[in-house]
């Protein structure tokens, strides 16, 4: 089971958190990873802008909040 958790937290890129790993988001390295991704996208756009009909591409942004099981917005009382 620990192999799964290690993979899930350190290697698997999650679409809900901008294609970063949970570990990267937790320790703050996502910022440098995203900056590097944007540099690569900028270089690709500069070299071949015709490949990008919608304009300059942008690396996915990190959401302000991400949930596995989002808590209810209201608390029901009996």
PDB file of N, CA and C in Angstrom:
ATOM      1  N   UNK A   1       0.815  -1.195   0.000  1.00  0.00           N
ATOM      2  CA  UNK A   1       0.000   0.000   0.000  1.00  0.00           C
ATOM      3  C   UNK A   1       0.862   1.264   0.000  1.00  0.00           C
ATOM      4  N   UNK A   2       2.004   1.226   0.687  1.00  0.00           N
ATOM      5  CA  UNK A   2       2.854   2.410   0.749  1.00  0.00           C
ATOM      6  C   UNK A   2       3.408   2.774  -0.625  1.00  0.00           C
ATOM      7  N   UNK A   3       3.572   1.783  -1.501  1.00  0.00           N
ATOM      8  CA  UNK A   3       4.036   2.067  -2.868  1.00  0.00           C
ATOM      9  C   UNK A   3       3.006   2.929  -3.585  1.00  0.00           C
ATOM     10  N   UNK A   4       1.721   2.597  -3.406  1.00  0.00           N
ATOM     11  CA  UNK A   4       0.663   3.382  -4.029  1.00  0.00           C
ATOM     12  C   UNK A   4       0.681   4.825  -3.528  1.00  0.00           C
ATOM     13  N   UNK A   5       0.744   5.011  -2.212  1.00  0.00           N
ATOM     14  CA  UNK A   5       0.708   6.359  -1.663  1.00  0.00           C
ATOM     15  C   UNK A   5       1.926   7.171  -2.089  1.00  0.00           C
ATOM     16  N   UNK A   6       3.069   6.530  -2.145  1.00  0.00           N
ATOM     17  CA  UNK A   6       4.269   7.220  -2.604  1.00  0.00           C
ATOM     18  C   UNK A   6       4.103   7.684  -4.051  1.00  0.00           C
ATOM     19  N   UNK A   7       3.625   6.803  -4.913  1.00  0.00           N
ATOM     20  CA  UNK A   7       3.377   7.161  -6.314  1.00  0.00           C
ATOM     21  C   UNK A   7       2.341   8.276  -6.405  1.00  0.00           C
ATOM     22  N   UNK A   8       1.231   8.124  -5.703  1.00  0.00           N
ATOM     23  CA  UNK A   8       0.122   9.072  -5.772  1.00  0.00           C
ATOM     24  C   UNK A   8       0.556  10.467  -5.334  1.00  0.00           C
ATOM     25  N   UNK A   9       1.365  10.557  -4.298  1.00  0.00           N
ATOM     26  CA  UNK A   9       1.765  11.852  -3.755  1.00  0.00           C
ATOM     27  C   UNK A   9       2.989  12.462  -4.422  1.00  0.00           C
ATOM     28  N   UNK A  10       3.881  11.627  -4.964  1.00  0.00           N
ATOM     29  CA  UNK A  10       5.155  12.146  -5.459  1.00  0.00           C
ATOM     30  C   UNK A  10       5.353  12.078  -6.969  1.00  0.00           C
ATOM     31  N   UNK A  11       4.612  11.208  -7.660  1.00  0.00           N
ATOM     32  CA  UNK A  11       4.847  11.029  -9.090  1.00  0.00           C
ATOM     33  C   UNK A  11       3.651  11.362  -9.978  1.00  0.00           C
ATOM     34  N   UNK A  12       2.462  11.049  -9.518  1.00  0.00           N
ATOM     35  CA  UNK A  12       1.263  11.245 -10.339  1.00  0.00           C
ATOM     36  C   UNK A  12       0.878  12.719 -10.399  1.00  0.00           C
ATOM     37  N   UNK A  13       0.737  13.232 -11.632  1.00  0.00           N
ATOM     38  CA  UNK A  13       0.328  14.625 -11.822  1.00  0.00           C
ATOM     39  C   UNK A  13      -1.192  14.676 -11.883  1.00  0.00           C
ATOM     40  N   UNK A  14      -1.795  15.490 -11.032  1.00  0.00           N
ATOM     41  CA  UNK A  14      -3.240  15.552 -10.896  1.00  0.00           C
ATOM     42  C   UNK A  14      -3.807  16.734 -11.683  1.00  0.00           C
ATOM     43  N   UNK A  15      -4.800  16.468 -12.510  1.00  0.00           N
ATOM     44  CA  UNK A  15      -5.388  17.537 -13.317  1.00  0.00           C
ATOM     45  C   UNK A  15      -6.078  18.585 -12.451  1.00  0.00           C
ATOM     46  N   UNK A  16      -6.595  18.200 -11.313  1.00  0.00           N
ATOM     47  CA  UNK A  16      -7.293  19.142 -10.447  1.00  0.00           C
ATOM     48  C   UNK A  16      -6.389  20.147  -9.757  1.00  0.00           C
ATOM     49  N   UNK A  17      -5.085  19.896  -9.769  1.00  0.00           N
ATOM     50  CA  UNK A  17      -4.131  20.834  -9.160  1.00  0.00           C
ATOM     51  C   UNK A  17      -3.077  21.251 -10.181  1.00  0.00           C
ATOM     52  N   UNK A  18      -3.538  21.537 -11.387  1.00  0.00           N
ATOM     53  CA  UNK A  18      -2.663  22.103 -12.411  1.00  0.00           C
ATOM     54  C   UNK A  18      -1.597  21.167 -12.922  1.00  0.00           C
ATOM     55  N   UNK A  19      -1.868  19.870 -12.912  1.00  0.00           N
ATOM     56  CA  UNK A  19      -0.917  18.840 -13.353  1.00  0.00           C
ATOM     57  C   UNK A  19       0.366  18.830 -12.529  1.00  0.00           C
ATOM     58  N   UNK A  20       0.214  19.099 -11.241  1.00  0.00           N
ATOM     59  CA  UNK A  20       1.322  19.005 -10.292  1.00  0.00           C
ATOM     60  C   UNK A  20       1.092  17.800  -9.394  1.00  0.00           C
ATOM     61  N   UNK A  21       2.106  17.418  -8.655  1.00  0.00           N
ATOM     62  CA  UNK A  21       1.949  16.350  -7.667  1.00  0.00           C
ATOM     63  C   UNK A  21       1.500  16.982  -6.345  1.00  0.00           C
ATOM     64  N   UNK A  22       0.792  16.235  -5.504  1.00  0.00           N
ATOM     65  CA  UNK A  22       0.438  16.780  -4.199  1.00  0.00           C
ATOM     66  C   UNK A  22       1.673  17.215  -3.391  1.00  0.00           C
ATOM     67  N   UNK A  23       2.744  16.463  -3.483  1.00  0.00           N
ATOM     68  CA  UNK A  23       3.964  16.824  -2.746  1.00  0.00           C
ATOM     69  C   UNK A  23       4.510  18.169  -3.218  1.00  0.00           C
ATOM     70  N   UNK A  24       4.496  18.405  -4.523  1.00  0.00           N
ATOM     71  CA  UNK A  24       4.984  19.665  -5.076  1.00  0.00           C
ATOM     72  C   UNK A  24       4.128  20.845  -4.611  1.00  0.00           C
ATOM     73  N   UNK A  25       2.832  20.645  -4.569  1.00  0.00           N
ATOM     74  CA  UNK A  25       1.948  21.706  -4.092  1.00  0.00           C
ATOM     75  C   UNK A  25       2.182  21.949  -2.607  1.00  0.00           C
ATOM     76  N   UNK A  26       2.338  20.887  -1.861  1.00  0.00           N
ATOM     77  CA  UNK A  26       2.526  21.002  -0.415  1.00  0.00           C
ATOM     78  C   UNK A  26       3.831  21.708  -0.053  1.00  0.00           C
ATOM     79  N   UNK A  27       4.911  21.369  -0.748  1.00  0.00           N
ATOM     80  CA  UNK A  27       6.203  21.963  -0.371  1.00  0.00           C
ATOM     81  C   UNK A  27       6.544  23.244  -1.134  1.00  0.00           C
ATOM     82  N   UNK A  28       5.667  23.659  -2.051  1.00  0.00           N
ATOM     83  CA  UNK A  28       5.857  24.931  -2.742  1.00  0.00           C
ATOM     84  C   UNK A  28       6.704  24.880  -4.004  1.00  0.00           C
ATOM     85  N   UNK A  29       7.208  23.716  -4.378  1.00  0.00           N
ATOM     86  CA  UNK A  29       8.037  23.641  -5.586  1.00  0.00           C
ATOM     87  C   UNK A  29       7.206  23.765  -6.862  1.00  0.00           C
ATOM     88  N   UNK A  30       5.877  23.748  -6.741  1.00  0.00           N
ATOM     89  CA  UNK A  30       5.018  23.880  -7.917  1.00  0.00           C
ATOM     90  C   UNK A  30       5.302  25.187  -8.658  1.00  0.00           C
ATOM     91  N   UNK A  31       5.700  26.223  -7.943  1.00  0.00           N
ATOM     92  CA  UNK A  31       5.942  27.517  -8.583  1.00  0.00           C
ATOM     93  C   UNK A  31       7.089  27.445  -9.588  1.00  0.00           C
ATOM     94  N   UNK A  32       8.182  26.812  -9.202  1.00  0.00           N
ATOM     95  CA  UNK A  32       9.310  26.705 -10.132  1.00  0.00           C
ATOM     96  C   UNK A  32       8.990  25.733 -11.262  1.00  0.00           C
ATOM     97  N   UNK A  33       8.227  24.678 -10.957  1.00  0.00           N
ATOM     98  CA  UNK A  33       7.820  23.725 -11.996  1.00  0.00           C
ATOM     99  C   UNK A  33       6.936  24.437 -13.020  1.00  0.00           C
ATOM    100  N   UNK A  34       5.965  25.213 -12.548  1.00  0.00           N
ATOM    101  CA  UNK A  34       5.075  25.930 -13.461  1.00  0.00           C
ATOM    102  C   UNK A  34       5.847  26.956 -14.286  1.00  0.00           C
ATOM    103  N   UNK A  35       6.781  27.661 -13.679  1.00  0.00           N
ATOM    104  CA  UNK A  35       7.590  28.645 -14.407  1.00  0.00           C
ATOM    105  C   UNK A  35       8.396  27.964 -15.512  1.00  0.00           C
ATOM    106  N   UNK A  36       8.967  26.798 -15.208  1.00  0.00           N
ATOM    107  CA  UNK A  36       9.728  26.058 -16.216  1.00  0.00           C
ATOM    108  C   UNK A  36       8.811  25.599 -17.354  1.00  0.00           C
ATOM    109  N   UNK A  37       7.636  25.094 -17.009  1.00  0.00           N
ATOM    110  CA  UNK A  37       6.679  24.679 -18.037  1.00  0.00           C
ATOM    111  C   UNK A  37       6.313  25.853 -18.941  1.00  0.00           C
ATOM    112  N   UNK A  38       6.106  27.029 -18.340  1.00  0.00           N
ATOM    113  CA  UNK A  38       5.754  28.202 -19.143  1.00  0.00           C
ATOM    114  C   UNK A  38       6.899  28.599 -20.058  1.00  0.00           C
ATOM    115  N   UNK A  39       8.136  28.487 -19.582  1.00  0.00           N
ATOM    116  CA  UNK A  39       9.297  28.776 -20.431  1.00  0.00           C
ATOM    117  C   UNK A  39       9.325  27.854 -21.647  1.00  0.00           C
ATOM    118  N   UNK A  40       9.049  26.573 -21.428  1.00  0.00           N
ATOM    119  CA  UNK A  40       9.032  25.604 -22.530  1.00  0.00           C
ATOM    120  C   UNK A  40       7.917  25.930 -23.511  1.00  0.00           C
ATOM    121  N   UNK A  41       6.734  26.257 -22.998  1.00  0.00           N
ATOM    122  CA  UNK A  41       5.623  26.625 -23.872  1.00  0.00           C
ATOM    123  C   UNK A  41       5.923  27.903 -24.654  1.00  0.00           C
ATOM    124  N   UNK A  42       6.539  28.878 -24.011  1.00  0.00           N
ATOM    125  CA  UNK A  42       6.905  30.117 -24.702  1.00  0.00           C
ATOM    126  C   UNK A  42       7.902  29.853 -25.823  1.00  0.00           C
ATOM    127  N   UNK A  43       8.880  28.992 -25.566  1.00  0.00           N
ATOM    128  CA  UNK A  43       9.869  28.657 -26.598  1.00  0.00           C
ATOM    129  C   UNK A  43       9.208  27.938 -27.772  1.00  0.00           C
ATOM    130  N   UNK A  44       8.289  27.035 -27.477  1.00  0.00           N
ATOM    131  CA  UNK A  44       7.579  26.321 -28.547  1.00  0.00           C
ATOM    132  C   UNK A  44       6.739  27.287 -29.377  1.00  0.00           C
ATOM    133  N   UNK A  45       6.091  28.232 -28.709  1.00  0.00           N
ATOM    134  CA  UNK A  45       5.270  29.207 -29.423  1.00  0.00           C
ATOM    135  C   UNK A  45       6.136  30.114 -30.296  1.00  0.00           C
ATOM    136  N   UNK A  46       7.272  30.539 -29.758  1.00  0.00           N
ATOM    137  CA  UNK A  46       8.177  31.406 -30.520  1.00  0.00           C
ATOM    138  C   UNK A  46       8.719  30.684 -31.748  1.00  0.00           C
ATOM    139  N   UNK A  47       9.059  29.412 -31.589  1.00  0.00           N
ATOM    140  CA  UNK A  47       9.621  28.637 -32.701  1.00  0.00           C
ATOM    141  C   UNK A  47       8.576  28.303 -33.762  1.00  0.00           C
ATOM    142  N   UNK A  48       7.335  28.028 -33.346  1.00  0.00           N
ATOM    143  CA  UNK A  48       6.295  27.598 -34.291  1.00  0.00           C
ATOM    144  C   UNK A  48       4.929  28.152 -33.903  1.00  0.00           C
ATOM    145  N   UNK A  49       4.710  29.458 -34.062  1.00  0.00           N
ATOM    146  CA  UNK A  49       3.420  30.031 -33.665  1.00  0.00           C
ATOM    147  C   UNK A  49       2.237  29.469 -34.468  1.00  0.00           C
ATOM    148  N   UNK A  50       2.509  28.949 -35.652  1.00  0.00           N
ATOM    149  CA  UNK A  50       1.431  28.391 -36.472  1.00  0.00           C
ATOM    150  C   UNK A  50       0.800  27.146 -35.843  1.00  0.00           C
ATOM    151  N   UNK A  51       1.498  26.532 -34.918  1.00  0.00           N
ATOM    152  CA  UNK A  51       0.959  25.346 -34.238  1.00  0.00           C
ATOM    153  C   UNK A  51      -0.047  25.700 -33.147  1.00  0.00           C
ATOM    154  N   UNK A  52      -0.199  26.970 -32.866  1.00  0.00           N
ATOM    155  CA  UNK A  52      -1.058  27.421 -31.777  1.00  0.00           C
ATOM    156  C   UNK A  52      -2.111  28.396 -32.312  1.00  0.00           C
ATOM    157  N   UNK A  53      -3.158  27.876 -32.946  1.00  0.00           N
ATOM    158  CA  UNK A  53      -4.155  28.758 -33.572  1.00  0.00           C
ATOM    159  C   UNK A  53      -4.912  29.639 -32.572  1.00  0.00           C
ATOM    160  N   UNK A  54      -4.949  29.257 -31.311  1.00  0.00           N
ATOM    161  CA  UNK A  54      -5.651  30.057 -30.299  1.00  0.00           C
ATOM    162  C   UNK A  54      -4.730  31.028 -29.569  1.00  0.00           C
ATOM    163  N   UNK A  55      -3.503  31.150 -30.026  1.00  0.00           N
ATOM    164  CA  UNK A  55      -2.571  32.085 -29.400  1.00  0.00           C
ATOM    165  C   UNK A  55      -1.596  31.399 -28.465  1.00  0.00           C
ATOM    166  N   UNK A  56      -0.882  32.224 -27.723  1.00  0.00           N
ATOM    167  CA  UNK A  56       0.164  31.742 -26.823  1.00  0.00           C
ATOM    168  C   UNK A  56      -0.426  30.803 -25.758  1.00  0.00           C
ATOM    169  N   UNK A  57       0.171  29.619 -25.594  1.00  0.00           N
ATOM    170  CA  UNK A  57      -0.335  28.686 -24.573  1.00  0.00           C
ATOM    171  C   UNK A  57       0.123  29.088 -23.174  1.00  0.00           C
ATOM    172  N   UNK A  58      -0.631  28.656 -22.180  1.00  0.00           N
ATOM    173  CA  UNK A  58      -0.305  28.948 -20.785  1.00  0.00           C
ATOM    174  C   UNK A  58      -0.305  27.650 -19.982  1.00  0.00           C
ATOM    175  N   UNK A  59       0.657  27.519 -19.102  1.00  0.00           N
ATOM    176  CA  UNK A  59       0.710  26.364 -18.207  1.00  0.00           C
ATOM    177  C   UNK A  59      -0.518  26.408 -17.304  1.00  0.00           C
ATOM    178  N   UNK A  60      -1.072  25.246 -16.943  1.00  0.00           N
ATOM    179  CA  UNK A  60      -2.263  25.243 -16.086  1.00  0.00           C
ATOM    180  C   UNK A  60      -2.014  25.953 -14.760  1.00  0.00           C
ATOM    181  N   UNK A  61      -3.010  26.709 -14.347  1.00  0.00           N
ATOM    182  CA  UNK A  61      -2.909  27.427 -13.074  1.00  0.00           C
ATOM    183  C   UNK A  61      -3.280  26.505 -11.923  1.00  0.00           C
ATOM    184  N   UNK A  62      -2.751  26.813 -10.767  1.00  0.00           N
ATOM    185  CA  UNK A  62      -3.085  26.070  -9.559  1.00  0.00           C
ATOM    186  C   UNK A  62      -4.384  26.652  -9.007  1.00  0.00           C
ATOM    187  N   UNK A  63      -5.364  25.820  -8.674  1.00  0.00           N
ATOM    188  CA  UNK A  63      -6.607  26.352  -8.124  1.00  0.00           C
ATOM    189  C   UNK A  63      -6.384  26.939  -6.733  1.00  0.00           C
ATOM    190  N   UNK A  64      -7.288  27.798  -6.306  1.00  0.00           N
ATOM    191  CA  UNK A  64      -7.152  28.370  -4.972  1.00  0.00           C
ATOM    192  C   UNK A  64      -7.445  27.333  -3.900  1.00  0.00           C
ATOM    193  N   UNK A  65      -8.344  26.365  -4.217  1.00  0.00           N
ATOM    194  CA  UNK A  65      -8.652  25.262  -3.310  1.00  0.00           C
ATOM    195  C   UNK A  65      -8.890  24.010  -4.125  1.00  0.00           C
ATOM    196  N   UNK A  66      -8.502  22.885  -3.567  1.00  0.00           N
ATOM    197  CA  UNK A  66      -8.749  21.597  -4.213  1.00  0.00           C
ATOM    198  C   UNK A  66      -9.246  20.630  -3.147  1.00  0.00           C
ATOM    199  N   UNK A  67     -10.207  19.805  -3.527  1.00  0.00           N
ATOM    200  CA  UNK A  67     -10.814  18.884  -2.574  1.00  0.00           C
ATOM    201  C   UNK A  67     -10.840  17.482  -3.138  1.00  0.00           C
ATOM    202  N   UNK A  68     -10.719  16.499  -2.282  1.00  0.00           N
ATOM    203  CA  UNK A  68     -11.019  15.124  -2.653  1.00  0.00           C
ATOM    204  C   UNK A  68     -12.507  14.904  -2.403  1.00  0.00           C
ATOM    205  N   UNK A  69     -12.958  15.240  -1.221  1.00  0.00           N
ATOM    206  CA  UNK A  69     -14.370  15.211  -0.862  1.00  0.00           C
ATOM    207  C   UNK A  69     -14.701  16.572  -0.264  1.00  0.00           C
ATOM    208  N   UNK A  70     -15.243  17.460  -1.089  1.00  0.00           N
ATOM    209  CA  UNK A  70     -15.529  18.812  -0.625  1.00  0.00           C
ATOM    210  C   UNK A  70     -16.599  18.786   0.463  1.00  0.00           C
ATOM    211  N   UNK A  71     -16.329  19.464   1.581  1.00  0.00           N
ATOM    212  CA  UNK A  71     -17.335  19.500   2.643  1.00  0.00           C
ATOM    213  C   UNK A  71     -18.558  20.298   2.187  1.00  0.00           C
ATOM    214  N   UNK A  72     -19.709  20.017   2.759  1.00  0.00           N
ATOM    215  CA  UNK A  72     -20.903  20.764   2.372  1.00  0.00           C
ATOM    216  C   UNK A  72     -20.758  22.233   2.729  1.00  0.00           C
ATOM    217  N   UNK A  73     -21.369  23.099   1.911  1.00  0.00           N
ATOM    218  CA  UNK A  73     -21.258  24.544   2.161  1.00  0.00           C
ATOM    219  C   UNK A  73     -22.144  24.981   3.318  1.00  0.00           C
ATOM    220  N   UNK A  74     -23.169  24.195   3.613  1.00  0.00           N
ATOM    221  CA  UNK A  74     -24.021  24.505   4.758  1.00  0.00           C
ATOM    222  C   UNK A  74     -24.091  23.294   5.673  1.00  0.00           C
ATOM    223  N   UNK A  75     -24.252  23.558   6.930  1.00  0.00           N
ATOM    224  CA  UNK A  75     -24.358  22.472   7.897  1.00  0.00           C
ATOM    225  C   UNK A  75     -25.828  22.290   8.233  1.00  0.00           C
ATOM    226  N   UNK A  76     -26.309  21.079   8.025  1.00  0.00           N
ATOM    227  CA  UNK A  76     -27.704  20.774   8.320  1.00  0.00           C
ATOM    228  C   UNK A  76     -27.836  20.428   9.793  1.00  0.00           C
ATOM    229  N   UNK A  77     -28.841  20.991  10.410  1.00  0.00           N
ATOM    230  CA  UNK A  77     -29.106  20.683  11.814  1.00  0.00           C
ATOM    231  C   UNK A  77     -30.481  20.018  11.905  1.00  0.00           C
ATOM    232  N   UNK A  78     -30.615  19.138  12.834  1.00  0.00           N
ATOM    233  CA  UNK A  78     -31.874  18.413  12.991  1.00  0.00           C
ATOM    234  C   UNK A  78     -32.817  19.114  13.918  1.00  0.00           C
TER     235      UNK A  78
END
